[in-house]
Amino acid sequence: MTLELARIPGLDRPGPDAGGTRAGRKLKVRGTRRTFLRAVALGALTLGATALDWSGLSRLRRADAEYSPYGMPGYDRNDCHDAYPTGYAELTDTSGAYVNTYAACFGGYWRGSTYCDAGWHKYGTWNESGIQVDHQPVANTCGEIVGKNAWRWTTPDQKVYRCSDGFSTFWGGGYTGQTYLTICRAAL
């Protein structure tokens, strides 16, 4: 048996011996196989796109600027180039949980997690080992045009930290109201 080109049915037309399907008989408008396959493909694409949209996978994450609990703005980048366009040399922490890890924050007389409360610089009066410390977050030490309270930094081990600025005034234990710029370092 030889195959003749004229006997091969076209994709868009049924063969000479093809009968109608039960689903096709109830349709008032007759379409071609190609139209049906297009409709099936379009339906599958629509369902897939809807599933992606519902799951949130199709949306790009926006980088929104953070705001401290006291309404002060922070930077939203992880390389700090919005705060320091030429970068900065990180300084190691002077106290807290990250003293023996990669440096992340810059500036301040003291830096560390001991100046943090809920991931931001402390606010209010705290008693720390018998010394009264008045903490005040500030937004005027970082930034060229608009002052910011905090910025993010990614260390070489790919951990991201927030460095939040504030002033701390110490009373007692040899301190008589000295105020220092302190930096809260919090893991994100």
N, C-alpha and C. Protein backbone atom coordinates (compact mmCIF):
# COMPACT_ATOMS: atom_id res chain seq x y z
N MET A 1 0.85 -1.16 0.00
CA MET A 1 0.00 0.00 0.00
C MET A 1 0.89 1.23 0.00
N THR A 2 0.66 2.07 -0.96
CA THR A 2 1.43 3.30 -1.06
C THR A 2 0.60 4.45 -0.48
N LEU A 3 1.32 5.40 0.07
CA LEU A 3 0.67 6.56 0.65
C LEU A 3 0.59 7.66 -0.40
N GLU A 4 -0.61 8.14 -0.64
CA GLU A 4 -0.81 9.19 -1.62
C GLU A 4 -1.07 10.49 -0.90
N LEU A 5 -0.41 11.53 -1.32
CA LEU A 5 -0.53 12.84 -0.70
C LEU A 5 -1.96 13.36 -0.74
N ALA A 6 -2.69 13.05 -1.75
CA ALA A 6 -4.06 13.53 -1.88
C ALA A 6 -5.00 12.88 -0.85
N ARG A 7 -4.63 11.72 -0.32
CA ARG A 7 -5.50 11.03 0.63
C ARG A 7 -5.24 11.42 2.08
N ILE A 8 -4.19 12.22 2.36
CA ILE A 8 -3.92 12.66 3.73
C ILE A 8 -4.84 13.83 4.02
N PRO A 9 -5.68 13.74 5.09
CA PRO A 9 -6.62 14.83 5.38
C PRO A 9 -5.87 16.07 5.89
N GLY A 10 -6.40 17.21 5.60
CA GLY A 10 -5.82 18.46 6.09
C GLY A 10 -6.10 18.63 7.58
N LEU A 11 -5.30 19.43 8.23
CA LEU A 11 -5.47 19.68 9.66
C LEU A 11 -6.77 20.41 9.97
N ASP A 12 -7.18 21.29 9.07
CA ASP A 12 -8.35 22.11 9.36
C ASP A 12 -9.66 21.48 8.87
N ARG A 13 -9.61 20.28 8.24
CA ARG A 13 -10.82 19.61 7.75
C ARG A 13 -10.82 18.16 8.19
N PRO A 14 -11.99 17.65 8.56
CA PRO A 14 -12.03 16.23 8.93
C PRO A 14 -11.86 15.35 7.69
N GLY A 15 -11.46 14.14 7.95
CA GLY A 15 -11.29 13.19 6.86
C GLY A 15 -12.63 12.82 6.23
N PRO A 16 -12.62 12.15 5.05
CA PRO A 16 -13.88 11.82 4.36
C PRO A 16 -14.75 10.85 5.15
N ASP A 17 -14.16 10.00 5.98
CA ASP A 17 -14.94 9.01 6.74
C ASP A 17 -15.21 9.47 8.17
N ALA A 18 -14.78 10.68 8.54
CA ALA A 18 -14.94 11.14 9.93
C ALA A 18 -16.38 11.52 10.18
N GLY A 19 -16.89 11.07 11.32
CA GLY A 19 -18.24 11.42 11.72
C GLY A 19 -18.18 12.53 12.77
N GLY A 20 -19.28 13.12 13.06
CA GLY A 20 -19.33 14.17 14.08
C GLY A 20 -19.22 13.58 15.47
N THR A 21 -18.73 14.34 16.39
CA THR A 21 -18.63 13.89 17.78
C THR A 21 -19.91 14.26 18.50
N ARG A 22 -20.13 13.64 19.65
CA ARG A 22 -21.33 13.96 20.41
C ARG A 22 -21.29 15.41 20.87
N ALA A 23 -20.14 15.89 21.28
CA ALA A 23 -20.05 17.28 21.72
C ALA A 23 -20.26 18.22 20.54
N GLY A 24 -19.76 17.87 19.40
CA GLY A 24 -19.89 18.74 18.23
C GLY A 24 -21.30 18.80 17.68
N ARG A 25 -22.08 17.73 17.85
CA ARG A 25 -23.44 17.72 17.31
C ARG A 25 -24.34 18.72 18.01
N LYS A 26 -24.08 19.02 19.28
CA LYS A 26 -24.95 19.93 20.01
C LYS A 26 -24.61 21.39 19.76
N LEU A 27 -23.48 21.65 19.11
CA LEU A 27 -23.11 23.03 18.81
C LEU A 27 -23.92 23.52 17.62
N LYS A 28 -24.39 24.77 17.73
CA LYS A 28 -25.15 25.35 16.62
C LYS A 28 -24.22 25.81 15.50
N VAL A 29 -23.04 26.25 15.87
CA VAL A 29 -22.07 26.73 14.88
C VAL A 29 -21.00 25.66 14.73
N ARG A 30 -20.74 25.30 13.53
CA ARG A 30 -19.71 24.30 13.27
C ARG A 30 -18.38 25.02 13.01
N GLY A 31 -17.33 24.53 13.68
CA GLY A 31 -16.00 25.10 13.47
C GLY A 31 -15.06 24.03 12.97
N THR A 32 -13.88 24.44 12.70
CA THR A 32 -12.88 23.50 12.23
C THR A 32 -12.12 22.94 13.43
N ARG A 33 -11.37 21.90 13.19
CA ARG A 33 -10.54 21.34 14.25
C ARG A 33 -9.53 22.36 14.74
N ARG A 34 -8.99 23.11 13.83
CA ARG A 34 -8.00 24.13 14.20
C ARG A 34 -8.61 25.16 15.15
N THR A 35 -9.85 25.59 14.89
CA THR A 35 -10.52 26.54 15.76
C THR A 35 -10.73 25.93 17.15
N PHE A 36 -11.11 24.66 17.18
CA PHE A 36 -11.31 23.98 18.46
C PHE A 36 -10.00 23.90 19.24
N LEU A 37 -8.92 23.53 18.57
CA LEU A 37 -7.62 23.44 19.24
C LEU A 37 -7.14 24.80 19.74
N ARG A 38 -7.42 25.84 18.96
CA ARG A 38 -7.07 27.19 19.43
C ARG A 38 -7.84 27.53 20.70
N ALA A 39 -9.10 27.19 20.74
CA ALA A 39 -9.92 27.48 21.92
C ALA A 39 -9.42 26.71 23.13
N VAL A 40 -9.03 25.46 22.95
CA VAL A 40 -8.49 24.66 24.05
C VAL A 40 -7.18 25.27 24.54
N ALA A 41 -6.29 25.66 23.63
CA ALA A 41 -5.01 26.25 24.02
C ALA A 41 -5.22 27.59 24.74
N LEU A 42 -6.12 28.41 24.22
CA LEU A 42 -6.40 29.70 24.86
C LEU A 42 -6.98 29.50 26.25
N GLY A 43 -7.88 28.52 26.39
CA GLY A 43 -8.44 28.22 27.71
C GLY A 43 -7.37 27.77 28.70
N ALA A 44 -6.45 26.93 28.25
CA ALA A 44 -5.37 26.45 29.12
C ALA A 44 -4.46 27.60 29.53
N LEU A 45 -4.13 28.47 28.58
CA LEU A 45 -3.30 29.63 28.91
C LEU A 45 -4.00 30.56 29.90
N THR A 46 -5.28 30.77 29.71
CA THR A 46 -6.05 31.63 30.62
C THR A 46 -6.08 31.06 32.02
N LEU A 47 -6.33 29.75 32.13
CA LEU A 47 -6.33 29.11 33.45
C LEU A 47 -4.95 29.19 34.10
N GLY A 48 -3.92 28.96 33.34
CA GLY A 48 -2.56 29.04 33.88
C GLY A 48 -2.20 30.44 34.36
N ALA A 49 -2.54 31.45 33.57
CA ALA A 49 -2.25 32.82 33.98
C ALA A 49 -3.05 33.22 35.21
N THR A 50 -4.29 32.78 35.28
CA THR A 50 -5.11 33.08 36.45
C THR A 50 -4.53 32.42 37.70
N ALA A 51 -4.09 31.18 37.58
CA ALA A 51 -3.49 30.48 38.72
C ALA A 51 -2.23 31.20 39.18
N LEU A 52 -1.41 31.64 38.25
CA LEU A 52 -0.20 32.39 38.61
C LEU A 52 -0.55 33.70 39.30
N ASP A 53 -1.56 34.39 38.82
CA ASP A 53 -1.94 35.67 39.42
C ASP A 53 -2.48 35.46 40.82
N TRP A 54 -3.28 34.43 41.02
CA TRP A 54 -3.83 34.16 42.35
C TRP A 54 -2.73 33.79 43.34
N SER A 55 -1.71 33.10 42.87
CA SER A 55 -0.64 32.69 43.76
C SER A 55 0.33 33.83 44.05
N GLY A 56 0.29 34.89 43.26
CA GLY A 56 1.20 36.00 43.46
C GLY A 56 2.54 35.84 42.76
N LEU A 57 2.75 34.70 42.08
CA LEU A 57 4.03 34.46 41.42
C LEU A 57 4.25 35.34 40.20
N SER A 58 3.18 35.85 39.63
CA SER A 58 3.34 36.64 38.42
C SER A 58 3.65 38.10 38.72
N ARG A 59 3.53 38.51 39.97
CA ARG A 59 3.77 39.91 40.32
C ARG A 59 5.22 40.11 40.71
N LEU A 60 5.80 41.18 40.27
CA LEU A 60 7.14 41.54 40.70
C LEU A 60 7.05 42.23 42.05
N ARG A 61 8.00 41.97 42.91
CA ARG A 61 8.00 42.64 44.20
C ARG A 61 8.51 44.05 44.02
N ARG A 62 7.76 45.01 44.56
CA ARG A 62 8.20 46.38 44.50
C ARG A 62 9.08 46.65 45.71
N ALA A 63 10.05 47.50 45.52
CA ALA A 63 10.88 47.92 46.64
C ALA A 63 10.26 49.18 47.23
N ASP A 64 9.60 49.00 48.36
CA ASP A 64 8.97 50.12 49.03
C ASP A 64 9.87 50.62 50.13
N ALA A 65 9.92 51.93 50.29
CA ALA A 65 10.69 52.50 51.39
C ALA A 65 10.04 52.10 52.70
N GLU A 66 10.86 51.79 53.67
CA GLU A 66 10.36 51.40 54.98
C GLU A 66 10.13 52.65 55.82
N TYR A 67 9.26 52.52 56.79
CA TYR A 67 9.04 53.59 57.77
C TYR A 67 9.15 53.00 59.16
N SER A 68 9.84 53.72 60.03
CA SER A 68 10.00 53.26 61.40
C SER A 68 8.66 53.34 62.13
N PRO A 69 8.54 52.74 63.29
CA PRO A 69 7.30 52.84 64.05
C PRO A 69 6.94 54.29 64.40
N TYR A 70 7.89 55.19 64.30
CA TYR A 70 7.65 56.60 64.64
C TYR A 70 7.51 57.46 63.39
N GLY A 71 7.34 56.81 62.23
CA GLY A 71 7.05 57.52 60.99
C GLY A 71 8.25 58.06 60.25
N MET A 72 9.45 57.73 60.67
CA MET A 72 10.64 58.21 59.97
C MET A 72 10.96 57.30 58.80
N PRO A 73 11.30 57.86 57.64
CA PRO A 73 11.57 57.03 56.47
C PRO A 73 12.93 56.35 56.54
N GLY A 74 13.01 55.21 55.88
CA GLY A 74 14.27 54.49 55.74
C GLY A 74 14.51 54.19 54.28
N TYR A 75 15.73 53.80 53.96
CA TYR A 75 16.05 53.45 52.59
C TYR A 75 15.55 52.05 52.27
N ASP A 76 15.33 51.78 50.98
CA ASP A 76 14.78 50.50 50.59
C ASP A 76 15.75 49.65 49.78
N ARG A 77 16.96 50.10 49.60
CA ARG A 77 17.93 49.32 48.84
C ARG A 77 18.82 48.52 49.78
N ASN A 78 19.45 47.46 49.25
CA ASN A 78 20.32 46.62 50.07
C ASN A 78 21.80 46.92 49.87
N ASP A 79 22.12 47.94 49.09
CA ASP A 79 23.53 48.25 48.87
C ASP A 79 23.90 49.63 49.41
N CYS A 80 22.95 50.34 49.97
CA CYS A 80 23.14 51.64 50.61
C CYS A 80 23.61 52.73 49.66
N HIS A 81 23.58 52.50 48.35
CA HIS A 81 24.02 53.53 47.42
C HIS A 81 23.05 54.69 47.36
N ASP A 82 21.81 54.51 47.84
CA ASP A 82 20.90 55.64 47.90
C ASP A 82 21.27 56.56 49.06
N ALA A 83 21.90 56.02 50.10
CA ALA A 83 22.33 56.83 51.23
C ALA A 83 23.76 57.33 51.02
N TYR A 84 24.63 56.44 50.57
CA TYR A 84 26.03 56.77 50.33
C TYR A 84 26.38 56.35 48.91
N PRO A 85 26.23 57.25 47.93
CA PRO A 85 26.42 56.88 46.52
C PRO A 85 27.78 56.26 46.22
N THR A 86 28.81 56.60 46.95
CA THR A 86 30.12 56.00 46.71
C THR A 86 30.41 54.86 47.67
N GLY A 87 29.39 54.45 48.41
CA GLY A 87 29.56 53.36 49.37
C GLY A 87 30.18 53.86 50.66
N TYR A 88 30.48 52.93 51.55
CA TYR A 88 31.15 53.29 52.80
C TYR A 88 31.89 52.08 53.33
N ALA A 89 32.84 52.34 54.21
CA ALA A 89 33.59 51.26 54.85
C ALA A 89 32.84 50.87 56.11
N GLU A 90 32.28 49.66 56.13
CA GLU A 90 31.51 49.21 57.27
C GLU A 90 32.39 49.19 58.51
N LEU A 91 31.76 49.39 59.67
CA LEU A 91 32.47 49.33 60.94
C LEU A 91 31.89 48.20 61.77
N THR A 92 32.74 47.50 62.49
CA THR A 92 32.25 46.39 63.32
C THR A 92 31.40 46.92 64.46
N ASP A 93 30.53 46.05 64.95
CA ASP A 93 29.66 46.43 66.07
C ASP A 93 30.48 46.54 67.35
N THR A 94 30.05 47.44 68.20
CA THR A 94 30.72 47.62 69.49
C THR A 94 30.02 46.87 70.61
N SER A 95 28.78 46.40 70.36
CA SER A 95 28.04 45.64 71.36
C SER A 95 26.94 44.84 70.68
N GLY A 96 26.38 43.89 71.42
CA GLY A 96 25.23 43.17 70.91
C GLY A 96 25.54 41.84 70.25
N ALA A 97 24.55 41.33 69.52
CA ALA A 97 24.60 39.98 68.98
C ALA A 97 25.52 39.81 67.78
N TYR A 98 25.93 40.89 67.12
CA TYR A 98 26.67 40.75 65.87
C TYR A 98 28.12 41.24 65.97
N VAL A 99 28.67 41.28 67.18
CA VAL A 99 30.04 41.77 67.38
C VAL A 99 31.04 40.94 66.61
N ASN A 100 30.86 39.63 66.56
CA ASN A 100 31.83 38.74 65.91
C ASN A 100 31.40 38.30 64.53
N THR A 101 30.57 39.10 63.84
CA THR A 101 30.14 38.77 62.48
C THR A 101 30.65 39.85 61.54
N TYR A 102 30.27 39.73 60.26
CA TYR A 102 30.67 40.74 59.28
C TYR A 102 30.13 42.10 59.70
N ALA A 103 30.91 43.13 59.44
CA ALA A 103 30.46 44.50 59.73
C ALA A 103 29.39 44.88 58.72
N ALA A 104 28.45 45.72 59.17
CA ALA A 104 27.37 46.14 58.28
C ALA A 104 27.12 47.64 58.37
N CYS A 105 27.05 48.19 59.55
CA CYS A 105 26.67 49.59 59.70
C CYS A 105 27.89 50.51 59.68
N PHE A 106 27.62 51.78 59.53
CA PHE A 106 28.68 52.78 59.43
C PHE A 106 28.30 53.96 60.31
N GLY A 107 29.30 54.59 60.90
CA GLY A 107 29.07 55.80 61.68
C GLY A 107 28.63 55.49 63.09
N GLY A 108 28.35 56.54 63.81
CA GLY A 108 27.93 56.39 65.19
C GLY A 108 29.11 56.17 66.12
N TYR A 109 28.91 56.59 67.34
CA TYR A 109 29.95 56.36 68.34
C TYR A 109 29.93 54.90 68.77
N TRP A 110 28.71 54.33 68.89
CA TRP A 110 28.52 52.93 69.20
C TRP A 110 27.53 52.32 68.22
N ARG A 111 27.75 51.04 67.90
CA ARG A 111 26.88 50.32 66.98
C ARG A 111 26.58 48.95 67.55
N GLY A 112 25.33 48.49 67.39
CA GLY A 112 25.01 47.13 67.81
C GLY A 112 23.53 46.90 68.01
N SER A 113 23.20 45.65 68.25
CA SER A 113 21.80 45.28 68.44
C SER A 113 21.26 45.75 69.78
N THR A 114 22.13 46.17 70.70
CA THR A 114 21.66 46.63 72.01
C THR A 114 20.91 47.95 71.91
N TYR A 115 20.99 48.64 70.79
CA TYR A 115 20.29 49.91 70.61
C TYR A 115 18.98 49.73 69.85
N CYS A 116 18.55 48.46 69.69
CA CYS A 116 17.34 48.16 68.89
C CYS A 116 16.16 47.78 69.76
N ASP A 117 14.99 48.09 69.25
CA ASP A 117 13.73 47.62 69.81
C ASP A 117 12.82 47.33 68.63
N ALA A 118 12.44 46.07 68.45
CA ALA A 118 11.60 45.62 67.33
C ALA A 118 12.21 45.97 65.97
N GLY A 119 13.54 45.87 65.86
CA GLY A 119 14.21 46.08 64.59
C GLY A 119 14.53 47.53 64.23
N TRP A 120 14.22 48.46 65.11
CA TRP A 120 14.49 49.87 64.86
C TRP A 120 15.18 50.46 66.09
N HIS A 121 15.76 51.66 65.95
CA HIS A 121 16.43 52.29 67.08
C HIS A 121 15.44 52.51 68.22
N LYS A 122 15.91 52.26 69.43
CA LYS A 122 15.05 52.43 70.61
C LYS A 122 14.55 53.86 70.73
N TYR A 123 13.40 54.00 71.38
CA TYR A 123 12.82 55.31 71.67
C TYR A 123 12.35 55.31 73.12
N GLY A 124 12.69 56.36 73.83
CA GLY A 124 12.24 56.49 75.21
C GLY A 124 13.36 56.25 76.19
N THR A 125 12.99 56.17 77.46
CA THR A 125 13.96 56.00 78.54
C THR A 125 14.04 54.53 78.93
N TRP A 126 15.25 54.02 78.98
CA TRP A 126 15.50 52.62 79.31
C TRP A 126 16.50 52.55 80.46
N ASN A 127 16.35 51.56 81.32
CA ASN A 127 17.32 51.32 82.38
C ASN A 127 18.18 50.16 81.93
N GLU A 128 19.45 50.43 81.69
CA GLU A 128 20.36 49.41 81.19
C GLU A 128 21.50 49.22 82.17
N SER A 129 21.42 48.14 82.96
CA SER A 129 22.43 47.80 83.96
C SER A 129 22.66 48.94 84.94
N GLY A 130 21.59 49.55 85.41
CA GLY A 130 21.68 50.61 86.40
C GLY A 130 21.97 51.99 85.82
N ILE A 131 22.08 52.10 84.54
CA ILE A 131 22.32 53.39 83.88
C ILE A 131 21.05 53.77 83.12
N GLN A 132 20.60 54.99 83.34
CA GLN A 132 19.43 55.47 82.61
C GLN A 132 19.88 55.98 81.24
N VAL A 133 19.22 55.48 80.19
CA VAL A 133 19.58 55.87 78.83
C VAL A 133 18.33 56.39 78.13
N ASP A 134 18.41 57.62 77.65
CA ASP A 134 17.32 58.23 76.88
C ASP A 134 17.64 58.06 75.41
N HIS A 135 16.84 57.26 74.70
CA HIS A 135 17.07 56.99 73.28
C HIS A 135 16.11 57.82 72.44
N GLN A 136 16.62 58.38 71.35
CA GLN A 136 15.81 59.18 70.44
C GLN A 136 16.21 58.86 69.00
N PRO A 137 15.36 58.15 68.23
CA PRO A 137 15.68 57.91 66.81
C PRO A 137 15.70 59.24 66.06
N VAL A 138 16.59 59.34 65.09
CA VAL A 138 16.71 60.58 64.31
C VAL A 138 16.75 60.25 62.82
N ALA A 139 16.38 61.24 62.02
CA ALA A 139 16.40 61.07 60.56
C ALA A 139 17.19 62.19 59.90
N ASN A 140 18.22 62.67 60.57
CA ASN A 140 18.99 63.78 59.99
C ASN A 140 20.47 63.50 59.87
N THR A 141 20.89 62.25 60.04
CA THR A 141 22.31 61.95 59.96
C THR A 141 22.69 61.20 58.70
N CYS A 142 21.73 60.70 57.96
CA CYS A 142 22.03 59.90 56.77
C CYS A 142 21.20 60.41 55.60
N GLY A 143 21.86 60.76 54.52
CA GLY A 143 21.14 61.23 53.34
C GLY A 143 21.58 62.62 52.94
N GLU A 144 21.64 62.86 51.64
CA GLU A 144 22.11 64.14 51.14
C GLU A 144 21.01 65.18 51.05
N ILE A 145 19.82 64.79 50.57
CA ILE A 145 18.74 65.76 50.37
C ILE A 145 17.64 65.53 51.39
N VAL A 146 17.16 64.30 51.44
CA VAL A 146 16.10 63.94 52.38
C VAL A 146 16.71 63.06 53.45
N GLY A 147 16.57 63.44 54.72
CA GLY A 147 17.11 62.65 55.81
C GLY A 147 16.35 61.35 55.98
N LYS A 148 17.06 60.33 56.34
CA LYS A 148 16.47 59.01 56.56
C LYS A 148 16.91 58.50 57.92
N ASN A 149 16.11 57.62 58.50
CA ASN A 149 16.43 57.04 59.79
C ASN A 149 17.24 55.76 59.66
N ALA A 150 17.05 55.01 58.59
CA ALA A 150 17.67 53.70 58.51
C ALA A 150 18.04 53.37 57.07
N TRP A 151 18.92 52.40 56.93
CA TRP A 151 19.27 51.88 55.63
C TRP A 151 19.54 50.39 55.77
N ARG A 152 19.54 49.70 54.64
CA ARG A 152 19.79 48.26 54.62
C ARG A 152 21.19 47.99 54.11
N TRP A 153 21.73 46.87 54.56
CA TRP A 153 23.06 46.49 54.09
C TRP A 153 23.12 44.97 54.01
N THR A 154 23.69 44.46 52.91
CA THR A 154 23.88 43.02 52.74
C THR A 154 25.34 42.70 52.99
N THR A 155 25.60 41.79 53.91
CA THR A 155 26.97 41.40 54.24
C THR A 155 27.44 40.31 53.27
N PRO A 156 28.74 40.02 53.24
CA PRO A 156 29.25 39.01 52.30
C PRO A 156 28.61 37.63 52.44
N ASP A 157 28.03 37.30 53.61
CA ASP A 157 27.36 36.02 53.77
C ASP A 157 25.89 36.10 53.36
N GLN A 158 25.51 37.18 52.64
CA GLN A 158 24.18 37.40 52.07
C GLN A 158 23.09 37.61 53.11
N LYS A 159 23.45 38.03 54.32
CA LYS A 159 22.45 38.38 55.33
C LYS A 159 22.19 39.88 55.23
N VAL A 160 20.92 40.26 55.42
CA VAL A 160 20.53 41.66 55.27
C VAL A 160 20.22 42.24 56.66
N TYR A 161 20.76 43.42 56.90
CA TYR A 161 20.57 44.09 58.18
C TYR A 161 20.00 45.48 57.96
N ARG A 162 19.29 45.98 58.96
CA ARG A 162 18.84 47.37 58.97
C ARG A 162 19.71 48.11 59.98
N CYS A 163 20.25 49.24 59.56
CA CYS A 163 21.04 50.10 60.43
C CYS A 163 20.22 51.36 60.67
N SER A 164 19.78 51.54 61.91
CA SER A 164 18.86 52.63 62.26
C SER A 164 19.56 53.62 63.19
N ASP A 165 19.50 54.91 62.86
CA ASP A 165 20.21 55.95 63.60
C ASP A 165 19.43 56.47 64.80
N GLY A 166 20.17 56.92 65.79
CA GLY A 166 19.54 57.56 66.94
C GLY A 166 20.58 58.20 67.84
N PHE A 167 20.10 59.02 68.75
CA PHE A 167 20.97 59.60 69.79
C PHE A 167 20.61 58.95 71.10
N SER A 168 21.65 58.65 71.90
CA SER A 168 21.45 58.04 73.21
C SER A 168 22.16 58.91 74.24
N THR A 169 21.41 59.32 75.26
CA THR A 169 21.95 60.15 76.34
C THR A 169 22.03 59.30 77.60
N PHE A 170 23.22 59.24 78.20
CA PHE A 170 23.49 58.36 79.34
C PHE A 170 23.55 59.15 80.65
N TRP A 171 22.91 58.58 81.71
CA TRP A 171 22.87 59.18 83.04
C TRP A 171 23.23 58.12 84.06
N GLY A 172 24.19 58.41 84.91
CA GLY A 172 24.59 57.49 85.98
C GLY A 172 25.77 56.64 85.56
N GLY A 173 26.41 56.00 86.55
CA GLY A 173 27.56 55.14 86.28
C GLY A 173 28.72 55.90 85.65
N GLY A 174 28.93 57.13 86.05
CA GLY A 174 30.02 57.94 85.50
C GLY A 174 29.59 58.86 84.37
N TYR A 175 28.38 58.73 83.89
CA TYR A 175 27.85 59.59 82.83
C TYR A 175 27.00 60.69 83.46
N THR A 176 27.10 61.86 82.92
CA THR A 176 26.32 63.00 83.43
C THR A 176 25.57 63.68 82.29
N GLY A 177 24.90 62.90 81.48
CA GLY A 177 24.10 63.46 80.40
C GLY A 177 24.82 63.57 79.06
N GLN A 178 25.82 62.73 78.83
CA GLN A 178 26.52 62.75 77.55
C GLN A 178 25.64 62.09 76.49
N THR A 179 25.61 62.72 75.31
CA THR A 179 24.79 62.22 74.20
C THR A 179 25.72 61.74 73.09
N TYR A 180 25.41 60.56 72.54
CA TYR A 180 26.22 59.95 71.49
C TYR A 180 25.31 59.51 70.34
N LEU A 181 25.84 59.56 69.13
CA LEU A 181 25.15 58.97 67.98
C LEU A 181 25.35 57.48 68.07
N THR A 182 24.23 56.74 68.12
CA THR A 182 24.30 55.27 68.22
C THR A 182 23.53 54.67 67.03
N ILE A 183 23.96 53.49 66.62
CA ILE A 183 23.37 52.82 65.47
C ILE A 183 22.82 51.47 65.92
N CYS A 184 21.53 51.26 65.65
CA CYS A 184 20.89 49.97 65.91
C CYS A 184 21.11 49.08 64.69
N ARG A 185 21.63 47.87 64.91
CA ARG A 185 21.80 46.90 63.82
C ARG A 185 20.83 45.75 64.07
N ALA A 186 19.88 45.57 63.17
CA ALA A 186 18.87 44.52 63.31
C ALA A 186 18.87 43.64 62.07
N ALA A 187 18.76 42.35 62.27
CA ALA A 187 18.68 41.40 61.15
C ALA A 187 17.29 41.48 60.53
N LEU A 188 17.24 41.40 59.20
CA LEU A 188 15.95 41.40 58.50
C LEU A 188 15.66 40.03 57.94
